[in-house]
PDB file of N, CA and C in Angstrom:
ATOM      1  N   MET A   1       0.663  -1.183  -0.112  1.00  0.00           N
ATOM      2  CA  MET A   1      -0.103   0.292   0.037  1.00  0.00           C
ATOM      3  C   MET A   1       0.940   1.124  -0.101  1.00  0.00           C
ATOM      4  N   VAL A   2       0.295   2.265  -0.549  1.00  0.00           N
ATOM      5  CA  VAL A   2       1.127   3.812  -0.576  1.00  0.00           C
ATOM      6  C   VAL A   2       0.514   4.525   0.303  1.00  0.00           C
ATOM      7  N   LEU A   3       1.343   5.015   1.285  1.00  0.00           N
ATOM      8  CA  LEU A   3       0.561   6.270   2.074  1.00  0.00           C
ATOM      9  C   LEU A   3       0.246   7.583   1.256  1.00  0.00           C
ATOM     10  N   THR A   4      -0.921   7.874   1.092  1.00  0.00           N
ATOM     11  CA  THR A   4      -1.057   9.170   0.591  1.00  0.00           C
ATOM     12  C   THR A   4      -0.783  10.546   0.874  1.00  0.00           C
ATOM     13  N   ASP A   5      -0.965  10.968   2.331  1.00  0.00           N
ATOM     14  CA  ASP A   5      -0.582  11.842   2.706  1.00  0.00           C
ATOM     15  C   ASP A   5      -0.283  11.746   3.824  1.00  0.00           C
ATOM     16  N   ARG A   6       1.311  11.837   4.172  1.00  0.00           N
ATOM     17  CA  ARG A   6       2.130  11.846   5.478  1.00  0.00           C
ATOM     18  C   ARG A   6       1.713  12.674   6.324  1.00  0.00           C
ATOM     19  N   LYS A   7       1.257  14.156   5.939  1.00  0.00           N
ATOM     20  CA  LYS A   7       0.804  15.255   6.863  1.00  0.00           C
ATOM     21  C   LYS A   7      -0.437  14.622   7.510  1.00  0.00           C
ATOM     22  N   ARG A   8      -1.277  14.089   6.793  1.00  0.00           N
ATOM     23  CA  ARG A   8      -2.502  13.708   7.427  1.00  0.00           C
ATOM     24  C   ARG A   8      -2.425  12.585   8.188  1.00  0.00           C
ATOM     25  N   LEU A   9      -1.421  11.687   8.242  1.00  0.00           N
ATOM     26  CA  LEU A   9      -1.431  10.515   9.283  1.00  0.00           C
ATOM     27  C   LEU A   9      -0.438  10.989  10.595  1.00  0.00           C
ATOM     28  N   ALA A  10       0.343  12.057  10.023  1.00  0.00           N
ATOM     29  CA  ALA A  10       0.698  12.964  11.291  1.00  0.00           C
ATOM     30  C   ALA A  10      -0.469  13.542  12.540  1.00  0.00           C
ATOM     31  N   LYS A  11      -1.293  14.239  11.535  1.00  0.00           N
ATOM     32  CA  LYS A  11      -2.134  15.177  12.012  1.00  0.00           C
ATOM     33  C   LYS A  11      -3.201  13.944  12.618  1.00  0.00           C
ATOM     34  N   LEU A  12      -3.576  13.149  11.961  1.00  0.00           N
ATOM     35  CA  LEU A  12      -4.222  12.367  12.969  1.00  0.00           C
ATOM     36  C   LEU A  12      -3.634  11.545  14.335  1.00  0.00           C
ATOM     37  N   MET A  13      -2.423  11.349  14.162  1.00  0.00           N
ATOM     38  CA  MET A  13      -1.699  11.168  15.527  1.00  0.00           C
ATOM     39  C   MET A  13      -1.589  12.133  16.531  1.00  0.00           C
ATOM     40  N   THR A  14      -1.569  13.593  16.169  1.00  0.00           N
ATOM     41  CA  THR A  14      -1.675  14.463  16.962  1.00  0.00           C
ATOM     42  C   THR A  14      -2.682  14.371  17.661  1.00  0.00           C
ATOM     43  N   ILE A  15      -3.645  14.555  17.075  1.00  0.00           N
ATOM     44  CA  ILE A  15      -5.003  14.614  17.350  1.00  0.00           C
ATOM     45  C   ILE A  15      -5.638  13.767  18.482  1.00  0.00           C
ATOM     46  N   GLN A  16      -5.075  12.487  18.183  1.00  0.00           N
ATOM     47  CA  GLN A  16      -5.204  11.248  18.814  1.00  0.00           C
ATOM     48  C   GLN A  16      -4.569  10.992  20.315  1.00  0.00           C
ATOM     49  N   GLY A  17      -3.334  11.528  20.132  1.00  0.00           N
ATOM     50  CA  GLY A  17      -2.281  11.840  20.956  1.00  0.00           C
ATOM     51  C   GLY A  17      -1.587  10.405  20.843  1.00  0.00           C
ATOM     52  N   VAL A  18      -1.233   9.675  19.790  1.00  0.00           N
ATOM     53  CA  VAL A  18      -0.613   8.491  19.603  1.00  0.00           C
ATOM     54  C   VAL A  18       0.720   8.718  19.094  1.00  0.00           C
ATOM     55  N   SER A  19       1.774   8.232  19.572  1.00  0.00           N
ATOM     56  CA  SER A  19       2.924   8.298  19.398  1.00  0.00           C
ATOM     57  C   SER A  19       3.700   7.120  18.069  1.00  0.00           C
ATOM     58  N   GLY A  20       4.506   7.540  17.568  1.00  0.00           N
ATOM     59  CA  GLY A  20       4.951   6.526  16.551  1.00  0.00           C
ATOM     60  C   GLY A  20       5.319   5.183  17.076  1.00  0.00           C
ATOM     61  N   ARG A  21       5.530   4.900  18.359  1.00  0.00           N
ATOM     62  CA  ARG A  21       5.970   3.963  18.915  1.00  0.00           C
ATOM     63  C   ARG A  21       4.800   3.032  19.167  1.00  0.00           C
ATOM     64  N   GLN A  22       3.558   3.570  19.394  1.00  0.00           N
ATOM     65  CA  GLN A  22       2.278   3.273  19.678  1.00  0.00           C
ATOM     66  C   GLN A  22       1.729   2.703  18.409  1.00  0.00           C
ATOM     67  N   LEU A  23       2.075   3.523  17.311  1.00  0.00           N
ATOM     68  CA  LEU A  23       1.222   3.154  15.803  1.00  0.00           C
ATOM     69  C   LEU A  23       2.096   1.930  15.281  1.00  0.00           C
ATOM     70  N   ALA A  24       3.341   1.846  15.682  1.00  0.00           N
ATOM     71  CA  ALA A  24       4.341   0.560  15.139  1.00  0.00           C
ATOM     72  C   ALA A  24       3.921  -0.460  15.850  1.00  0.00           C
ATOM     73  N   VAL A  25       3.471  -0.454  17.006  1.00  0.00           N
ATOM     74  CA  VAL A  25       3.115  -1.853  17.936  1.00  0.00           C
ATOM     75  C   VAL A  25       1.646  -2.310  17.043  1.00  0.00           C
ATOM     76  N   ALA A  26       0.916  -0.977  16.972  1.00  0.00           N
ATOM     77  CA  ALA A  26      -0.309  -1.492  16.392  1.00  0.00           C
ATOM     78  C   ALA A  26      -0.124  -1.967  15.186  1.00  0.00           C
ATOM     79  N   ALA A  27       0.708  -1.539  14.209  1.00  0.00           N
ATOM     80  CA  ALA A  27       0.631  -1.897  12.906  1.00  0.00           C
ATOM     81  C   ALA A  27       1.693  -3.744  13.187  1.00  0.00           C
ATOM     82  N   GLY A  28       2.287  -3.883  13.960  1.00  0.00           N
ATOM     83  CA  GLY A  28       2.468  -5.190  14.097  1.00  0.00           C
ATOM     84  C   GLY A  28       4.541  -5.047  14.114  1.00  0.00           C
ATOM     85  N   TYR A  29       4.828  -3.924  13.964  1.00  0.00           N
ATOM     86  CA  TYR A  29       6.621  -3.686  13.748  1.00  0.00           C
ATOM     87  C   TYR A  29       7.090  -3.668  15.296  1.00  0.00           C
ATOM     88  N   ARG A  30       8.029  -4.393  15.212  1.00  0.00           N
ATOM     89  CA  ARG A  30       8.904  -4.356  16.447  1.00  0.00           C
ATOM     90  C   ARG A  30       9.138  -2.992  16.635  1.00  0.00           C
ATOM     91  N   SER A  31       9.792  -2.447  15.814  1.00  0.00           N
ATOM     92  CA  SER A  31      10.355  -1.065  16.062  1.00  0.00           C
ATOM     93  C   SER A  31       9.856   0.068  15.338  1.00  0.00           C
ATOM     94  N   HIS A  32       9.993   1.369  15.981  1.00  0.00           N
ATOM     95  CA  HIS A  32       9.239   2.444  15.523  1.00  0.00           C
ATOM     96  C   HIS A  32       9.958   3.147  14.158  1.00  0.00           C
ATOM     97  N   THR A  33      11.021   2.551  13.781  1.00  0.00           N
ATOM     98  CA  THR A  33      11.800   3.357  12.866  1.00  0.00           C
ATOM     99  C   THR A  33      11.084   3.517  11.607  1.00  0.00           C
ATOM    100  N   TYR A  34      10.363   2.170  11.426  1.00  0.00           N
ATOM    101  CA  TYR A  34       9.500   2.380  10.129  1.00  0.00           C
ATOM    102  C   TYR A  34       8.423   3.534   9.658  1.00  0.00           C
ATOM    103  N   ILE A  35       8.082   3.676  11.023  1.00  0.00           N
ATOM    104  CA  ILE A  35       6.630   4.807  10.935  1.00  0.00           C
ATOM    105  C   ILE A  35       7.395   6.007  10.708  1.00  0.00           C
ATOM    106  N   GLN A  36       8.543   6.284  11.526  1.00  0.00           N
ATOM    107  CA  GLN A  36       9.259   7.541  11.386  1.00  0.00           C
ATOM    108  C   GLN A  36       9.636   7.800   9.994  1.00  0.00           C
ATOM    109  N   ARG A  37      10.260   6.771   9.618  1.00  0.00           N
ATOM    110  CA  ARG A  37      10.537   7.106   8.265  1.00  0.00           C
ATOM    111  C   ARG A  37       9.236   7.246   7.256  1.00  0.00           C
ATOM    112  N   LEU A  38       8.110   6.779   7.384  1.00  0.00           N
ATOM    113  CA  LEU A  38       7.196   7.145   6.687  1.00  0.00           C
ATOM    114  C   LEU A  38       6.343   8.646   6.967  1.00  0.00           C
ATOM    115  N   LEU A  39       6.433   9.013   8.123  1.00  0.00           N
ATOM    116  CA  LEU A  39       6.356  10.419   8.517  1.00  0.00           C
ATOM    117  C   LEU A  39       7.478  11.296   7.811  1.00  0.00           C
ATOM    118  N   ARG A  40       8.332  11.008   7.770  1.00  0.00           N
ATOM    119  CA  ARG A  40       9.461  11.844   7.647  1.00  0.00           C
ATOM    120  C   ARG A  40       9.438  12.010   5.579  1.00  0.00           C
ATOM    121  N   GLY A  41       8.824  11.071   5.190  1.00  0.00           N
ATOM    122  CA  GLY A  41       8.872  10.997   3.610  1.00  0.00           C
ATOM    123  C   GLY A  41       9.822   9.976   2.931  1.00  0.00           C
ATOM    124  N   GLU A  42      10.654   9.368   3.544  1.00  0.00           N
ATOM    125  CA  GLU A  42      11.510   8.903   3.127  1.00  0.00           C
ATOM    126  C   GLU A  42      11.420   7.573   2.622  1.00  0.00           C
ATOM    127  N   VAL A  43      10.319   6.829   3.028  1.00  0.00           N
ATOM    128  CA  VAL A  43       9.756   5.671   2.384  1.00  0.00           C
ATOM    129  C   VAL A  43       7.758   6.008   2.401  1.00  0.00           C
ATOM    130  N   ARG A  44       7.030   5.449   1.455  1.00  0.00           N
ATOM    131  CA  ARG A  44       5.810   5.768   0.896  1.00  0.00           C
ATOM    132  C   ARG A  44       5.102   4.304   1.063  1.00  0.00           C
ATOM    133  N   THR A  45       5.596   3.074   1.024  1.00  0.00           N
ATOM    134  CA  THR A  45       4.960   1.852   0.997  1.00  0.00           C
ATOM    135  C   THR A  45       4.961   1.080   2.292  1.00  0.00           C
ATOM    136  N   LEU A  46       4.099   0.432   2.127  1.00  0.00           N
ATOM    137  CA  LEU A  46       4.167  -0.807   3.360  1.00  0.00           C
ATOM    138  C   LEU A  46       3.135  -1.736   3.279  1.00  0.00           C
ATOM    139  N   ASP A  47       3.192  -3.082   3.496  1.00  0.00           N
ATOM    140  CA  ASP A  47       2.282  -4.163   3.122  1.00  0.00           C
ATOM    141  C   ASP A  47       0.885  -3.927   3.656  1.00  0.00           C
ATOM    142  N   VAL A  48       0.240  -4.674   2.954  1.00  0.00           N
ATOM    143  CA  VAL A  48      -1.654  -4.609   3.447  1.00  0.00           C
ATOM    144  C   VAL A  48      -1.747  -4.775   4.821  1.00  0.00           C
ATOM    145  N   ASP A  49      -1.341  -5.659   5.502  1.00  0.00           N
ATOM    146  CA  ASP A  49      -1.655  -6.064   7.150  1.00  0.00           C
ATOM    147  C   ASP A  49      -1.372  -4.741   7.791  1.00  0.00           C
ATOM    148  N   PRO A  50       0.112  -4.374   7.741  1.00  0.00           N
ATOM    149  CA  PRO A  50       0.217  -2.805   8.828  1.00  0.00           C
ATOM    150  C   PRO A  50      -0.714  -1.678   8.339  1.00  0.00           C
ATOM    151  N   ALA A  51      -1.202  -1.503   6.975  1.00  0.00           N
ATOM    152  CA  ALA A  51      -1.852  -0.356   6.709  1.00  0.00           C
ATOM    153  C   ALA A  51      -3.297  -0.624   7.507  1.00  0.00           C
ATOM    154  N   VAL A  52      -3.774  -2.061   7.038  1.00  0.00           N
ATOM    155  CA  VAL A  52      -4.870  -2.092   7.674  1.00  0.00           C
ATOM    156  C   VAL A  52      -5.059  -2.094   9.071  1.00  0.00           C
ATOM    157  N   ARG A  53      -4.300  -2.185   9.969  1.00  0.00           N
ATOM    158  CA  ARG A  53      -3.686  -2.191  11.629  1.00  0.00           C
ATOM    159  C   ARG A  53      -3.885  -0.854  11.833  1.00  0.00           C
ATOM    160  N   ILE A  54      -3.136  -0.013  11.038  1.00  0.00           N
ATOM    161  CA  ILE A  54      -2.683   1.391  11.369  1.00  0.00           C
ATOM    162  C   ILE A  54      -4.178   2.292  11.164  1.00  0.00           C
ATOM    163  N   ALA A  55      -4.879   2.291  10.393  1.00  0.00           N
ATOM    164  CA  ALA A  55      -6.422   2.800  10.136  1.00  0.00           C
ATOM    165  C   ALA A  55      -7.242   2.282  10.495  1.00  0.00           C
ATOM    166  N   LEU A  56      -7.296   0.833  11.248  1.00  0.00           N
ATOM    167  CA  LEU A  56      -8.343   0.303  12.318  1.00  0.00           C
ATOM    168  C   LEU A  56      -7.786   1.171  13.768  1.00  0.00           C
ATOM    169  N   TYR A  57      -6.393   1.043  14.282  1.00  0.00           N
ATOM    170  CA  TYR A  57      -5.888   2.038  15.351  1.00  0.00           C
ATOM    171  C   TYR A  57      -6.225   3.502  15.453  1.00  0.00           C
ATOM    172  N   LEU A  58      -6.461   3.871  14.091  1.00  0.00           N
ATOM    173  CA  LEU A  58      -6.626   5.300  14.279  1.00  0.00           C
ATOM    174  C   LEU A  58      -8.175   5.601  13.938  1.00  0.00           C
ATOM    175  N   GLY A  59      -8.814   4.354  13.788  1.00  0.00           N
ATOM    176  CA  GLY A  59     -10.131   4.541  13.559  1.00  0.00           C
ATOM    177  C   GLY A  59     -10.605   5.645  12.287  1.00  0.00           C
ATOM    178  N   VAL A  60      -9.830   5.134  11.222  1.00  0.00           N
ATOM    179  CA  VAL A  60     -10.609   5.726   9.542  1.00  0.00           C
ATOM    180  C   VAL A  60      -9.960   4.228   8.803  1.00  0.00           C
ATOM    181  N   GLY A  61     -10.793   4.727   7.712  1.00  0.00           N
ATOM    182  CA  GLY A  61     -10.849   3.651   6.377  1.00  0.00           C
ATOM    183  C   GLY A  61      -9.563   3.801   6.112  1.00  0.00           C
ATOM    184  N   VAL A  62      -9.170   2.456   5.509  1.00  0.00           N
ATOM    185  CA  VAL A  62      -7.872   2.277   4.815  1.00  0.00           C
ATOM    186  C   VAL A  62      -7.730   3.129   3.578  1.00  0.00           C
ATOM    187  N   ASP A  63      -8.475   3.660   2.715  1.00  0.00           N
ATOM    188  CA  ASP A  63      -8.551   4.315   1.539  1.00  0.00           C
ATOM    189  C   ASP A  63      -8.253   5.698   2.136  1.00  0.00           C
ATOM    190  N   ASP A  64      -8.731   6.222   3.492  1.00  0.00           N
ATOM    191  CA  ASP A  64      -8.416   7.548   3.882  1.00  0.00           C
ATOM    192  C   ASP A  64      -6.594   7.842   3.708  1.00  0.00           C
ATOM    193  N   LEU A  65      -6.143   6.912   3.995  1.00  0.00           N
ATOM    194  CA  LEU A  65      -4.753   7.075   4.249  1.00  0.00           C
ATOM    195  C   LEU A  65      -3.816   6.405   3.363  1.00  0.00           C
ATOM    196  N   PHE A  66      -4.191   5.292   2.522  1.00  0.00           N
ATOM    197  CA  PHE A  66      -3.537   4.294   1.721  1.00  0.00           C
ATOM    198  C   PHE A  66      -4.349   4.431   0.375  1.00  0.00           C
ATOM    199  N   VAL A  67      -3.756   3.796  -0.385  1.00  0.00           N
ATOM    200  CA  VAL A  67      -4.307   3.660  -1.890  1.00  0.00           C
ATOM    201  C   VAL A  67      -2.946   2.027  -2.454  1.00  0.00           C
ATOM    202  N   PRO A  68      -3.869   0.998  -2.750  1.00  0.00           N
ATOM    203  CA  PRO A  68      -2.940   0.008  -3.562  1.00  0.00           C
ATOM    204  C   PRO A  68      -1.754   0.365  -4.140  1.00  0.00           C
ATOM    205  N   ARG A  69      -0.574  -0.404  -4.248  1.00  0.00           N
ATOM    206  CA  ARG A  69       0.301  -0.323  -4.781  1.00  0.00           C
ATOM    207  C   ARG A  69      -0.015  -0.959  -6.081  1.00  0.00           C
ATOM    208  N   THR A  70       0.454  -0.131  -7.354  1.00  0.00           N
ATOM    209  CA  THR A  70       0.204  -0.494  -9.027  1.00  0.00           C
ATOM    210  C   THR A  70       1.277  -1.512  -8.966  1.00  0.00           C
ATOM    211  N   ASP A  71       1.403  -1.954  -9.953  1.00  0.00           N
ATOM    212  CA  ASP A  71       2.235  -2.967 -10.468  1.00  0.00           C
ATOM    213  C   ASP A  71       3.554  -1.869 -10.777  1.00  0.00           C
ATOM    214  N   SER A  72       3.412  -1.206 -11.603  1.00  0.00           N
ATOM    215  CA  SER A  72       4.765   0.189 -11.802  1.00  0.00           C
ATOM    216  C   SER A  72       5.325   0.549 -10.730  1.00  0.00           C
ATOM    217  N   ASP A  73       4.685   0.644  -9.423  1.00  0.00           N
ATOM    218  CA  ASP A  73       5.254   1.202  -8.405  1.00  0.00           C
ATOM    219  C   ASP A  73       6.308   0.060  -7.827  1.00  0.00           C
ATOM    220  N   ALA A  74       5.989  -1.236  -7.657  1.00  0.00           N
ATOM    221  CA  ALA A  74       6.422  -2.477  -7.498  1.00  0.00           C
ATOM    222  C   ALA A  74       7.692  -2.676  -8.645  1.00  0.00           C
ATOM    223  N   GLY A  75       7.522  -2.441  -9.781  1.00  0.00           N
ATOM    224  CA  GLY A  75       8.591  -2.316 -10.635  1.00  0.00           C
ATOM    225  C   GLY A  75       9.841  -1.406 -10.330  1.00  0.00           C
ATOM    226  N   ARG A  76       9.278  -0.223  -9.872  1.00  0.00           N
ATOM    227  CA  ARG A  76      10.524   0.520  -9.793  1.00  0.00           C
ATOM    228  C   ARG A  76      11.119   0.347  -8.354  1.00  0.00           C
ATOM    229  N   SER A  77      10.689  -0.206  -7.541  1.00  0.00           N
ATOM    230  CA  SER A  77      10.799  -0.521  -6.275  1.00  0.00           C
ATOM    231  C   SER A  77      12.075  -1.429  -6.689  1.00  0.00           C
ATOM    232  N   VAL A  78      11.716  -2.450  -7.362  1.00  0.00           N
ATOM    233  CA  VAL A  78      12.823  -3.539  -7.775  1.00  0.00           C
ATOM    234  C   VAL A  78      13.941  -3.031  -8.598  1.00  0.00           C
ATOM    235  N   GLN A  79      13.842  -2.343  -9.429  1.00  0.00           N
ATOM    236  CA  GLN A  79      14.711  -1.765 -10.433  1.00  0.00           C
ATOM    237  C   GLN A  79      15.639  -0.820  -9.426  1.00  0.00           C
ATOM    238  N   ARG A  80      15.181  -0.409  -8.336  1.00  0.00           N
ATOM    239  CA  ARG A  80      15.944   0.561  -7.526  1.00  0.00           C
ATOM    240  C   ARG A  80      17.132  -0.268  -6.790  1.00  0.00           C
ATOM    241  N   THR A  81      16.350  -1.471  -6.298  1.00  0.00           N
ATOM    242  CA  THR A  81      17.083  -2.509  -5.673  1.00  0.00           C
ATOM    243  C   THR A  81      18.294  -3.091  -6.208  1.00  0.00           C
ATOM    244  N   ARG A  82      18.227  -3.277  -7.595  1.00  0.00           N
ATOM    245  CA  ARG A  82      19.087  -3.619  -8.707  1.00  0.00           C
ATOM    246  C   ARG A  82      20.345  -2.825  -9.029  1.00  0.00           C
ATOM    247  N   THR A  83      20.029  -1.518  -9.023  1.00  0.00           N
ATOM    248  CA  THR A  83      20.578  -0.464  -9.332  1.00  0.00           C
ATOM    249  C   THR A  83      21.645   0.063  -8.170  1.00  0.00           C
ATOM    250  N   GLN A  84      20.815  -0.061  -6.999  1.00  0.00           N
ATOM    251  CA  GLN A  84      21.685   0.427  -5.800  1.00  0.00           C
ATOM    252  C   GLN A  84      22.703  -0.665  -5.432  1.00  0.00           C
ATOM    253  N   ALA A  85      22.370  -1.988  -5.678  1.00  0.00           N
ATOM    254  CA  ALA A  85      23.340  -3.389  -5.811  1.00  0.00           C
ATOM    255  C   ALA A  85      24.205  -3.452  -6.573  1.00  0.00           C
ATOM    256  N   ALA A  86      24.422  -2.619  -7.850  1.00  0.00           N
ATOM    257  CA  ALA A  86      25.484  -2.812  -8.774  1.00  0.00           C
ATOM    258  C   ALA A  86      26.711  -1.764  -8.150  1.00  0.00           C
TER     259      ALA A  86
END
């Protein structure tokens, strides 16, 4: 899934008093690092299960925060990985 608006996520967290660590636990992550990277815009994608858990935890619809990742998005990440490895 692709995060549509990181500022909206941050605003929801602020309004509800949810920390990055709390959201990471709700998403099923062991560390809050990936959530912080999402909020900073360093990454935009995450798997479906964590996206659904985040939306449920914040009490919003999944489509309010995320859109499905398209095949072209997946291809770009694979291409970047190959380029970085070279």
